[in-house]
Amino acid sequence: MLNQWKECLTNLIYPPRCPACGASAARRGEWCSSCLAAIWHPRMINRTAAIRSLDRCYCLTEYRGSVRRILHHLKYKGDLRYVPACQFLLGKFPWMDRLQHLDCAIPVPLEPEKEQKRGFNQTEIIFRSWAETHWCWCQGLQRVRPTPAQWHLSKGERAENMKRAFEVKGSFQAAGKQILLVDDIYTTGATLEACAKTLKQNGAAGVTGLVIASGAL
């Protein structure tokens, strides 16, 4: 009851608006129909020969326009106001029946220094509450060496950059598990592939990816 009153008060002072254009919305994080249509493109990304460990990867939107801006503000400016906008998109994932066989969800980890500086892992705050309604949420991976930023690297350089960058964390047991691996953006797939490879090497039965946005088809 208290949370409901807090939400009502917040909505009264700061009315919900579309995160892209600012039009009035029924609830916080909700996109208006025209802005959603401009970026909404749920699909399974076609894998290339270079992506072998990741069994499949689903994407919700095109990495452009308002989605690109929102993820940039969230990641690099710490603007947590945009978390509900991403969670609204997750709530519209159209193929939940294809994920019913999964055992747990794991986020792609940040480097500890980067997460400490940023104050959060954007992938965790986007996905965790949604994922926990369906599966066990596990911090199953950790970065074991720093990796340069990926944005300026070629596809081959990205794959090389990610080699041996991840290990299974602590007591997490990957053996026999069907795992959902989540991240905010899929560019070439090098990061997700490196994570999936580590999980498979530790016995994971399957790794399915899910990202908010991608420019890949």
Protein backbone atom coordinates (compact mmCIF):
# COMPACT_ATOMS: atom_id res chain seq x y z
CA MET A 1 0.00 0.00 0.00
CA LEU A 2 2.81 2.41 0.92
CA ASN A 3 4.58 1.73 -2.40
CA GLN A 4 1.33 2.42 -4.26
CA TRP A 5 0.97 5.77 -2.52
CA LYS A 6 4.59 6.64 -3.32
CA GLU A 7 4.03 5.74 -6.97
CA CYS A 8 0.86 7.84 -7.14
CA LEU A 9 2.65 10.81 -5.57
CA THR A 10 5.61 10.46 -7.93
CA ASN A 11 3.28 10.26 -10.95
CA LEU A 12 1.46 13.37 -9.74
CA ILE A 13 4.68 15.38 -9.42
CA TYR A 14 6.45 13.81 -12.40
CA PRO A 15 3.78 12.52 -14.82
CA PRO A 16 4.83 9.47 -16.90
CA ARG A 17 6.01 10.38 -20.38
CA CYS A 18 7.27 8.55 -23.44
CA PRO A 19 11.06 8.28 -23.00
CA ALA A 20 11.65 9.16 -26.64
CA CYS A 21 9.36 12.12 -27.42
CA GLY A 22 8.00 13.19 -24.04
CA ALA A 23 4.34 12.59 -24.86
CA SER A 24 2.06 11.66 -21.96
CA ALA A 25 2.09 7.96 -21.08
CA ALA A 26 -0.12 5.72 -18.98
CA ARG A 27 2.76 4.44 -16.86
CA ARG A 28 6.43 5.15 -16.29
CA GLY A 29 8.69 3.74 -19.00
CA GLU A 30 5.91 3.26 -21.55
CA TRP A 31 6.69 4.27 -25.12
CA CYS A 32 4.10 5.97 -27.33
CA SER A 33 3.01 3.90 -30.32
CA SER A 34 4.85 5.96 -32.95
CA CYS A 35 8.17 6.02 -31.08
CA LEU A 36 7.94 2.31 -30.35
CA ALA A 37 7.21 1.53 -33.99
CA ALA A 38 10.32 3.47 -35.04
CA ILE A 39 12.69 1.17 -33.11
CA TRP A 40 10.79 -2.06 -32.39
CA HIS A 41 12.25 -4.99 -34.36
CA PRO A 42 12.19 -8.21 -32.31
CA ARG A 43 14.15 -10.96 -34.03
CA MET A 44 16.63 -13.77 -33.68
CA ILE A 45 19.96 -12.45 -34.91
CA ASN A 46 21.45 -14.52 -37.71
CA ARG A 47 24.64 -16.13 -36.49
CA THR A 48 27.85 -16.18 -38.51
CA ALA A 49 30.49 -18.89 -38.64
CA ALA A 50 32.50 -16.92 -36.09
CA ILE A 51 29.75 -17.20 -33.45
CA ARG A 52 29.78 -20.87 -32.47
CA SER A 53 29.27 -21.08 -28.71
CA LEU A 54 26.19 -18.85 -28.52
CA ASP A 55 23.33 -21.08 -29.63
CA ARG A 56 20.99 -18.23 -30.54
CA CYS A 57 20.50 -14.57 -29.69
CA TYR A 58 17.28 -12.57 -29.54
CA CYS A 59 17.12 -8.81 -29.95
CA LEU A 60 14.24 -6.40 -29.26
CA THR A 61 15.05 -3.16 -31.07
CA GLU A 62 17.24 -1.44 -33.64
CA TYR A 63 20.29 0.24 -32.15
CA ARG A 64 19.54 3.70 -33.44
CA GLY A 65 17.71 6.92 -32.65
CA SER A 66 16.02 7.05 -29.27
CA VAL A 67 17.22 3.60 -28.16
CA ARG A 68 20.83 4.51 -28.84
CA ARG A 69 20.41 7.79 -26.96
CA ILE A 70 18.70 6.16 -23.98
CA LEU A 71 21.31 3.41 -23.60
CA HIS A 72 24.11 5.96 -23.95
CA HIS A 73 22.61 8.18 -21.22
CA LEU A 74 22.09 5.18 -18.97
CA LYS A 75 25.57 3.70 -19.40
CA TYR A 76 27.78 6.75 -19.59
CA LYS A 77 25.83 9.45 -17.75
CA GLY A 78 24.27 7.30 -15.05
CA ASP A 79 20.78 8.45 -15.98
CA LEU A 80 18.72 5.76 -14.26
CA ARG A 81 15.46 7.43 -15.32
CA TYR A 82 15.72 5.37 -18.48
CA VAL A 83 15.71 1.96 -16.77
CA PRO A 84 11.88 1.68 -16.89
CA ALA A 85 11.98 2.42 -20.63
CA CYS A 86 14.21 -0.61 -21.18
CA GLN A 87 12.13 -2.77 -18.86
CA PHE A 88 8.99 -1.81 -20.77
CA LEU A 89 10.62 -3.20 -23.92
CA LEU A 90 11.56 -6.41 -22.12
CA GLY A 91 7.96 -6.84 -21.05
CA LYS A 92 6.98 -6.98 -24.71
CA PHE A 93 9.34 -9.84 -25.60
CA PRO A 94 7.12 -11.90 -27.94
CA TRP A 95 8.56 -15.41 -27.63
CA MET A 96 8.60 -16.33 -23.96
CA ASP A 97 7.56 -19.87 -24.90
CA ARG A 98 10.98 -20.31 -26.54
CA LEU A 99 12.69 -19.57 -23.22
CA GLN A 100 10.70 -21.87 -20.95
CA HIS A 101 13.46 -24.51 -20.93
CA LEU A 102 16.07 -22.18 -19.42
CA ASP A 103 17.43 -22.67 -15.90
CA CYS A 104 18.94 -19.29 -15.06
CA ALA A 105 19.85 -15.83 -16.36
CA ILE A 106 23.38 -14.39 -16.25
CA PRO A 107 24.46 -10.82 -17.09
CA VAL A 108 27.58 -10.01 -19.07
CA PRO A 109 29.88 -8.65 -16.33
CA LEU A 110 31.74 -5.36 -16.37
CA GLU A 111 35.35 -4.94 -15.34
CA PRO A 112 35.36 -4.38 -11.54
CA GLU A 113 37.08 -0.99 -11.89
CA LYS A 114 34.59 0.16 -14.50
CA GLU A 115 31.60 -1.00 -12.46
CA GLN A 116 32.97 0.71 -9.36
CA LYS A 117 33.45 3.96 -11.27
CA ARG A 118 30.01 3.75 -12.92
CA GLY A 119 28.32 2.58 -9.73
CA PHE A 120 26.32 -0.16 -11.41
CA ASN A 121 26.24 -2.71 -14.20
CA GLN A 122 23.61 -1.38 -16.60
CA THR A 123 22.80 -4.90 -17.79
CA GLU A 124 21.91 -6.00 -14.28
CA ILE A 125 19.65 -3.07 -13.50
CA ILE A 126 17.87 -3.44 -16.85
CA PHE A 127 17.32 -7.20 -16.76
CA ARG A 128 17.36 -8.46 -13.18
CA SER A 129 13.83 -7.70 -11.95
CA TRP A 130 12.32 -8.97 -15.21
CA ALA A 131 14.49 -12.10 -15.30
CA GLU A 132 13.81 -13.01 -11.66
CA THR A 133 10.11 -13.43 -12.42
CA HIS A 134 11.02 -16.33 -14.73
CA TRP A 135 14.37 -17.85 -13.69
CA CYS A 136 17.09 -17.84 -11.10
CA TRP A 137 19.36 -14.78 -11.47
CA CYS A 138 23.06 -15.66 -11.13
CA GLN A 139 26.24 -13.60 -11.13
CA GLY A 140 27.85 -16.54 -12.88
CA LEU A 141 30.67 -14.80 -14.76
CA GLN A 142 33.47 -12.39 -13.95
CA ARG A 143 35.97 -10.45 -16.02
CA VAL A 144 39.50 -11.51 -15.22
CA ARG A 145 41.43 -8.99 -17.28
CA PRO A 146 40.77 -5.46 -18.52
CA THR A 147 39.70 -5.11 -22.15
CA PRO A 148 39.93 -1.93 -24.25
CA ALA A 149 36.69 -0.32 -25.39
CA GLN A 150 35.18 -2.24 -28.30
CA TRP A 151 33.55 0.56 -30.29
CA HIS A 152 36.66 1.50 -32.31
CA LEU A 153 37.79 -2.08 -33.04
CA SER A 154 37.16 -4.19 -36.14
CA LYS A 155 35.18 -7.42 -35.91
CA GLY A 156 38.35 -9.52 -35.76
CA GLU A 157 39.95 -7.22 -33.20
CA ARG A 158 36.83 -7.41 -31.01
CA ALA A 159 36.98 -11.21 -30.95
CA GLU A 160 40.71 -11.14 -30.11
CA ASN A 161 40.09 -8.50 -27.43
CA MET A 162 37.59 -10.78 -25.66
CA LYS A 163 39.74 -13.93 -25.60
CA ARG A 164 40.26 -15.27 -22.07
CA ALA A 165 38.53 -12.21 -20.62
CA PHE A 166 35.94 -14.17 -18.63
CA GLU A 167 35.80 -16.93 -16.05
CA VAL A 168 33.01 -18.65 -14.16
CA LYS A 169 32.56 -16.84 -10.87
CA GLY A 170 32.81 -18.40 -7.43
CA SER A 171 30.75 -21.50 -6.81
CA PHE A 172 28.47 -21.14 -9.82
CA GLN A 173 27.91 -24.52 -11.47
CA ALA A 174 27.31 -24.21 -15.21
CA ALA A 175 27.35 -27.96 -15.86
CA GLY A 176 24.17 -29.19 -17.51
CA LYS A 177 22.40 -25.83 -17.34
CA GLN A 178 20.47 -24.03 -20.07
CA ILE A 179 21.49 -20.40 -19.59
CA LEU A 180 20.07 -17.06 -20.68
CA LEU A 181 22.96 -14.64 -21.23
CA VAL A 182 21.84 -11.00 -21.25
CA ASP A 183 23.46 -7.74 -22.35
CA ASP A 184 22.32 -4.31 -23.45
CA ILE A 185 23.78 -4.24 -26.98
CA TYR A 186 24.88 -6.79 -29.62
CA THR A 187 27.35 -5.35 -32.13
CA THR A 188 29.47 -8.15 -33.60
CA GLY A 189 28.61 -10.69 -30.91
CA ALA A 190 32.24 -10.98 -29.73
CA THR A 191 31.47 -10.31 -26.06
CA LEU A 192 28.47 -12.64 -25.89
CA GLU A 193 30.40 -15.31 -27.77
CA ALA A 194 33.34 -15.09 -25.34
CA CYS A 195 30.97 -15.42 -22.39
CA ALA A 196 29.09 -18.32 -23.99
CA LYS A 197 32.36 -20.09 -24.78
CA THR A 198 33.44 -19.85 -21.14
CA LEU A 199 30.10 -21.24 -19.98
CA LYS A 200 30.22 -24.09 -22.49
CA GLN A 201 33.79 -24.94 -21.47
CA ASN A 202 32.45 -25.29 -17.94
CA GLY A 203 29.75 -27.70 -19.02
CA ALA A 204 26.74 -25.52 -19.87
CA ALA A 205 24.26 -27.47 -21.98
CA GLY A 206 23.16 -24.39 -23.92
CA VAL A 207 23.48 -20.61 -24.00
CA THR A 208 20.79 -18.31 -25.39
CA GLY A 209 21.45 -14.59 -25.72
CA LEU A 210 19.02 -11.69 -25.25
CA VAL A 211 19.83 -8.03 -25.84
CA ILE A 212 17.87 -4.80 -25.89
CA ALA A 213 19.31 -3.45 -29.13
CA SER A 214 21.43 -4.36 -32.14
CA GLY A 215 22.27 -3.16 -35.61
CA ALA A 216 22.87 -6.75 -36.73
CA LEU A 217 20.30 -8.72 -38.66
